Amino acid sequence: MCEICNKTPCDTRCPNAINEPVCYCAECGAELCAGENAYILDGEAYCEDCINSNAISYLEFFADMEVKELEK
């Protein structure tokens, strides 16, 4: 577990993260890297933090959510 972000693997915003971004969160702009889950709503990728903090509002607007592991 990383001593800075307390996650394994490191959060994409952590200075110890080594992954190249595949895409960016449509809400907050966080880098989404290969091996992470992205929440795809209406063709846009969202990070887990944004989904967790805005789950009800997203679910009200987007009925078809897909969760998939990102690949390079």
C-alpha atoms as a PDB file:
ATOM      1  CA  MET A   1       0.000   0.000   0.000  1.00  0.00           C
ATOM      2  CA  CYS A   2       1.283   3.441  -0.906  1.00  0.00           C
ATOM      3  CA  GLU A   3       2.321   5.622   2.033  1.00  0.00           C
ATOM      4  CA  ILE A   4       1.105   8.778   0.274  1.00  0.00           C
ATOM      5  CA  CYS A   5      -2.326   7.869  -1.143  1.00  0.00           C
ATOM      6  CA  ASN A   6      -3.016   4.754   0.981  1.00  0.00           C
ATOM      7  CA  LYS A   7      -4.150   2.780  -2.077  1.00  0.00           C
ATOM      8  CA  THR A   8      -2.911  -0.220  -4.050  1.00  0.00           C
ATOM      9  CA  PRO A   9      -2.340   0.503  -6.894  1.00  0.00           C
ATOM     10  CA  CYS A  10      -1.706   4.194  -6.384  1.00  0.00           C
ATOM     11  CA  ASP A  11      -4.470   6.674  -7.037  1.00  0.00           C
ATOM     12  CA  THR A  12      -3.897   8.346 -10.396  1.00  0.00           C
ATOM     13  CA  ARG A  13      -3.408  11.680  -8.598  1.00  0.00           C
ATOM     14  CA  CYS A  14      -0.627  10.260  -6.398  1.00  0.00           C
ATOM     15  CA  PRO A  15       2.938  11.300  -7.261  1.00  0.00           C
ATOM     16  CA  ASN A  16       3.950   7.619  -6.991  1.00  0.00           C
ATOM     17  CA  ALA A  17       1.548   6.548  -9.761  1.00  0.00           C
ATOM     18  CA  ILE A  18       3.398   5.213 -12.791  1.00  0.00           C
ATOM     19  CA  ASN A  19       0.581   4.515 -15.249  1.00  0.00           C
ATOM     20  CA  GLU A  20      -0.029   6.606 -18.348  1.00  0.00           C
ATOM     21  CA  PRO A  21      -3.600   7.930 -18.545  1.00  0.00           C
ATOM     22  CA  VAL A  22      -5.958   6.196 -20.979  1.00  0.00           C
ATOM     23  CA  CYS A  23      -8.622   8.870 -20.609  1.00  0.00           C
ATOM     24  CA  TYR A  24      -9.828  11.492 -18.147  1.00  0.00           C
ATOM     25  CA  CYS A  25     -12.853  11.717 -15.855  1.00  0.00           C
ATOM     26  CA  ALA A  26     -15.579  13.806 -17.492  1.00  0.00           C
ATOM     27  CA  GLU A  27     -16.492  15.301 -14.098  1.00  0.00           C
ATOM     28  CA  CYS A  28     -13.232  16.150 -12.301  1.00  0.00           C
ATOM     29  CA  GLY A  29     -10.590  15.586 -14.986  1.00  0.00           C
ATOM     30  CA  ALA A  30      -8.709  12.905 -13.026  1.00  0.00           C
ATOM     31  CA  GLU A  31      -6.478  10.661 -15.098  1.00  0.00           C
ATOM     32  CA  LEU A  32      -7.916   7.181 -15.626  1.00  0.00           C
ATOM     33  CA  CYS A  33      -5.172   4.631 -16.263  1.00  0.00           C
ATOM     34  CA  ALA A  34      -5.006   1.090 -17.603  1.00  0.00           C
ATOM     35  CA  GLY A  35      -6.093  -1.431 -14.992  1.00  0.00           C
ATOM     36  CA  GLU A  36      -8.496   0.956 -13.259  1.00  0.00           C
ATOM     37  CA  ASN A  37     -12.261   0.780 -13.507  1.00  0.00           C
ATOM     38  CA  ALA A  38     -14.019   3.506 -15.424  1.00  0.00           C
ATOM     39  CA  TYR A  39     -17.739   4.119 -15.133  1.00  0.00           C
ATOM     40  CA  ILE A  40     -19.100   4.783 -18.602  1.00  0.00           C
ATOM     41  CA  LEU A  41     -22.236   6.915 -18.659  1.00  0.00           C
ATOM     42  CA  ASP A  42     -23.671   8.069 -21.967  1.00  0.00           C
ATOM     43  CA  GLY A  43     -20.279   7.478 -23.615  1.00  0.00           C
ATOM     44  CA  GLU A  44     -18.316   9.495 -21.039  1.00  0.00           C
ATOM     45  CA  ALA A  45     -15.815   7.990 -18.560  1.00  0.00           C
ATOM     46  CA  TYR A  46     -16.104   8.843 -14.842  1.00  0.00           C
ATOM     47  CA  CYS A  47     -13.803   7.969 -11.932  1.00  0.00           C
ATOM     48  CA  GLU A  48     -14.973   5.986  -8.924  1.00  0.00           C
ATOM     49  CA  ASP A  49     -14.730   8.999  -6.596  1.00  0.00           C
ATOM     50  CA  CYS A  50     -17.103  11.066  -8.750  1.00  0.00           C
ATOM     51  CA  ILE A  51     -19.542   8.178  -9.109  1.00  0.00           C
ATOM     52  CA  ASN A  52     -19.546   7.613  -5.328  1.00  0.00           C
ATOM     53  CA  SER A  53     -20.038  11.277  -4.473  1.00  0.00           C
ATOM     54  CA  ASN A  54     -22.681  11.913  -7.161  1.00  0.00           C
ATOM     55  CA  ALA A  55     -24.272   8.475  -7.504  1.00  0.00           C
ATOM     56  CA  ILE A  56     -27.898   9.485  -7.102  1.00  0.00           C
ATOM     57  CA  SER A  57     -27.728  12.365  -9.574  1.00  0.00           C
ATOM     58  CA  TYR A  58     -25.918  10.198 -12.157  1.00  0.00           C
ATOM     59  CA  LEU A  59     -28.391   7.356 -11.785  1.00  0.00           C
ATOM     60  CA  GLU A  60     -31.297   9.744 -12.242  1.00  0.00           C
ATOM     61  CA  PHE A  61     -29.957  10.831 -15.637  1.00  0.00           C
ATOM     62  CA  PHE A  62     -28.203   7.726 -16.929  1.00  0.00           C
ATOM     63  CA  ALA A  63     -30.024   4.418 -16.847  1.00  0.00           C
ATOM     64  CA  ASP A  64     -27.427   2.422 -18.795  1.00  0.00           C
ATOM     65  CA  MET A  65     -24.151   2.498 -16.862  1.00  0.00           C
ATOM     66  CA  GLU A  66     -21.295   0.230 -17.863  1.00  0.00           C
ATOM     67  CA  VAL A  67     -18.290  -0.548 -15.667  1.00  0.00           C
ATOM     68  CA  LYS A  68     -15.221  -1.795 -17.460  1.00  0.00           C
ATOM     69  CA  GLU A  69     -11.524  -2.219 -16.799  1.00  0.00           C
ATOM     70  CA  LEU A  70      -9.488   0.102 -18.971  1.00  0.00           C
ATOM     71  CA  GLU A  71      -6.898  -1.199 -21.392  1.00  0.00           C
ATOM     72  CA  LYS A  72      -4.170   0.633 -23.242  1.00  0.00           C
END
